[in-house]
């Protein structure tokens, strides 16, 4: 398997995993924001935007890291894919967690002002 094919596959895996995780975070946010009215909509939008940025950054990281592992480090393409996917999913999950707490801060700021 070439470096380009491995890179594309790792990007697809990262996006799929982070979309599943993002929908779980979105549902948690909907449950937590129940009763905040229109402020909740703003917070959900903030979560969606921040999570989308996190998914894009993690996908770019997975692609670049896979190529780096294969070309520069001489790793096996399958091992490089798993390493890059694991690193990118951890970074993407951390960014989605940060987005979750940012949205809670936004709704608190809007609701109590």
Protein backbone atom coordinates (compact mmCIF):
# COMPACT_ATOMS: atom_id res chain seq x y z
CA UNK A 1 0.00 0.00 0.00
CA UNK A 2 1.41 3.38 -0.96
CA UNK A 3 1.82 6.34 1.37
CA UNK A 4 -0.91 8.26 -0.43
CA UNK A 5 -3.47 5.45 -0.14
CA UNK A 6 -2.63 4.92 3.52
CA UNK A 7 -2.95 8.63 4.14
CA UNK A 8 -6.37 8.81 2.49
CA UNK A 9 -7.60 5.79 4.43
CA UNK A 10 -6.40 7.19 7.74
CA UNK A 11 -8.12 10.52 7.04
CA UNK A 12 -11.38 8.70 6.27
CA UNK A 13 -11.13 6.65 9.47
CA UNK A 14 -10.44 9.71 11.60
CA UNK A 15 -13.34 11.65 10.11
CA UNK A 16 -15.72 8.72 10.61
CA UNK A 17 -14.68 8.15 14.23
CA UNK A 18 -14.82 11.84 15.10
CA UNK A 19 -18.23 12.29 13.46
CA UNK A 20 -19.58 9.48 15.63
CA UNK A 21 -17.99 11.03 18.70
CA UNK A 22 -19.23 14.49 17.67
CA UNK A 23 -22.82 13.31 17.39
CA UNK A 24 -22.54 11.84 20.89
CA UNK A 25 -21.19 15.16 22.21
CA UNK A 26 -23.98 17.00 20.38
CA UNK A 27 -26.64 14.80 21.99
CA UNK A 28 -25.07 15.33 25.41
CA UNK A 29 -25.14 19.05 24.78
CA UNK A 30 -28.80 18.96 23.76
CA UNK A 31 -29.67 17.13 26.97
CA UNK A 32 -27.66 19.52 29.13
CA UNK A 33 -29.07 22.63 27.45
CA UNK A 34 -32.69 21.53 27.81
CA UNK A 35 -34.61 24.48 29.21
CA UNK A 36 -32.25 27.28 28.22
CA UNK A 37 -34.43 28.34 25.29
CA UNK A 38 -32.85 30.43 22.57
CA UNK A 39 -29.49 30.57 24.36
CA UNK A 40 -29.21 26.83 23.83
CA UNK A 41 -29.34 27.26 20.06
CA UNK A 42 -26.37 29.61 20.14
CA UNK A 43 -24.44 27.14 22.30
CA UNK A 44 -25.23 24.27 19.93
CA UNK A 45 -23.99 26.36 17.02
CA UNK A 46 -20.75 27.08 18.89
CA UNK A 47 -20.34 23.36 19.56
CA UNK A 48 -20.93 22.50 15.90
CA UNK A 49 -18.47 25.07 14.61
CA UNK A 50 -15.75 24.18 17.10
CA UNK A 51 -16.23 20.45 16.55
CA UNK A 52 -16.10 20.94 12.78
CA UNK A 53 -12.83 22.80 13.09
CA UNK A 54 -11.51 20.03 15.33
CA UNK A 55 -12.46 17.33 12.82
CA UNK A 56 -10.75 19.20 9.98
CA UNK A 57 -7.58 19.74 12.01
CA UNK A 58 -7.50 16.11 13.12
CA UNK A 59 -7.99 14.89 9.54
CA UNK A 60 -5.09 17.04 8.33
CA UNK A 61 -2.97 15.75 11.20
CA UNK A 62 -3.80 12.13 10.33
CA UNK A 63 -2.88 12.60 6.68
CA UNK A 64 0.40 14.36 7.36
CA UNK A 65 1.36 12.03 10.19
CA UNK A 66 0.72 8.91 8.11
CA UNK A 67 2.93 10.18 5.30
CA UNK A 68 5.60 11.20 7.81
CA UNK A 69 5.60 7.78 9.46
CA UNK A 70 5.84 5.92 6.15
CA UNK A 71 8.23 8.14 4.20
CA UNK A 72 10.51 9.62 6.86
CA UNK A 73 10.43 6.97 9.59
CA UNK A 74 10.13 3.89 7.36
CA UNK A 75 7.19 2.37 9.22
CA UNK A 76 4.93 -0.33 7.85
CA UNK A 77 1.91 1.40 6.20
CA UNK A 78 -0.65 -0.43 8.38
CA UNK A 79 1.22 0.43 11.58
CA UNK A 80 1.64 4.02 10.42
CA UNK A 81 -2.10 4.24 9.76
CA UNK A 82 -3.01 2.95 13.21
CA UNK A 83 -0.53 5.26 14.91
CA UNK A 84 -1.70 8.30 13.00
CA UNK A 85 -5.38 7.49 13.50
CA UNK A 86 -4.87 7.02 17.24
CA UNK A 87 -2.99 10.31 17.59
CA UNK A 88 -5.49 12.25 15.47
CA UNK A 89 -8.53 10.81 17.25
CA UNK A 90 -7.05 11.74 20.62
CA UNK A 91 -6.39 15.30 19.44
CA UNK A 92 -9.83 15.55 17.84
CA UNK A 93 -11.56 14.20 20.94
CA UNK A 94 -9.72 16.72 23.09
CA UNK A 95 -10.84 19.53 20.77
CA UNK A 96 -14.44 18.31 20.91
CA UNK A 97 -14.28 18.23 24.70
CA UNK A 98 -13.00 21.78 24.70
CA UNK A 99 -15.83 22.76 22.33
CA UNK A 100 -18.33 21.21 24.73
CA UNK A 101 -17.11 23.27 27.66
CA UNK A 102 -16.89 26.44 25.55
CA UNK A 103 -20.55 26.01 24.60
CA UNK A 104 -21.52 25.61 28.26
CA UNK A 105 -19.64 28.82 29.03
CA UNK A 106 -21.43 30.60 26.19
CA UNK A 107 -24.87 29.55 27.41
CA UNK A 108 -24.06 30.57 30.98
CA UNK A 109 -22.84 33.98 29.79
CA UNK A 110 -25.94 34.53 27.65
CA UNK A 111 -28.47 33.18 30.15
CA UNK A 112 -27.34 35.14 33.19
CA UNK A 113 -26.81 38.48 31.42
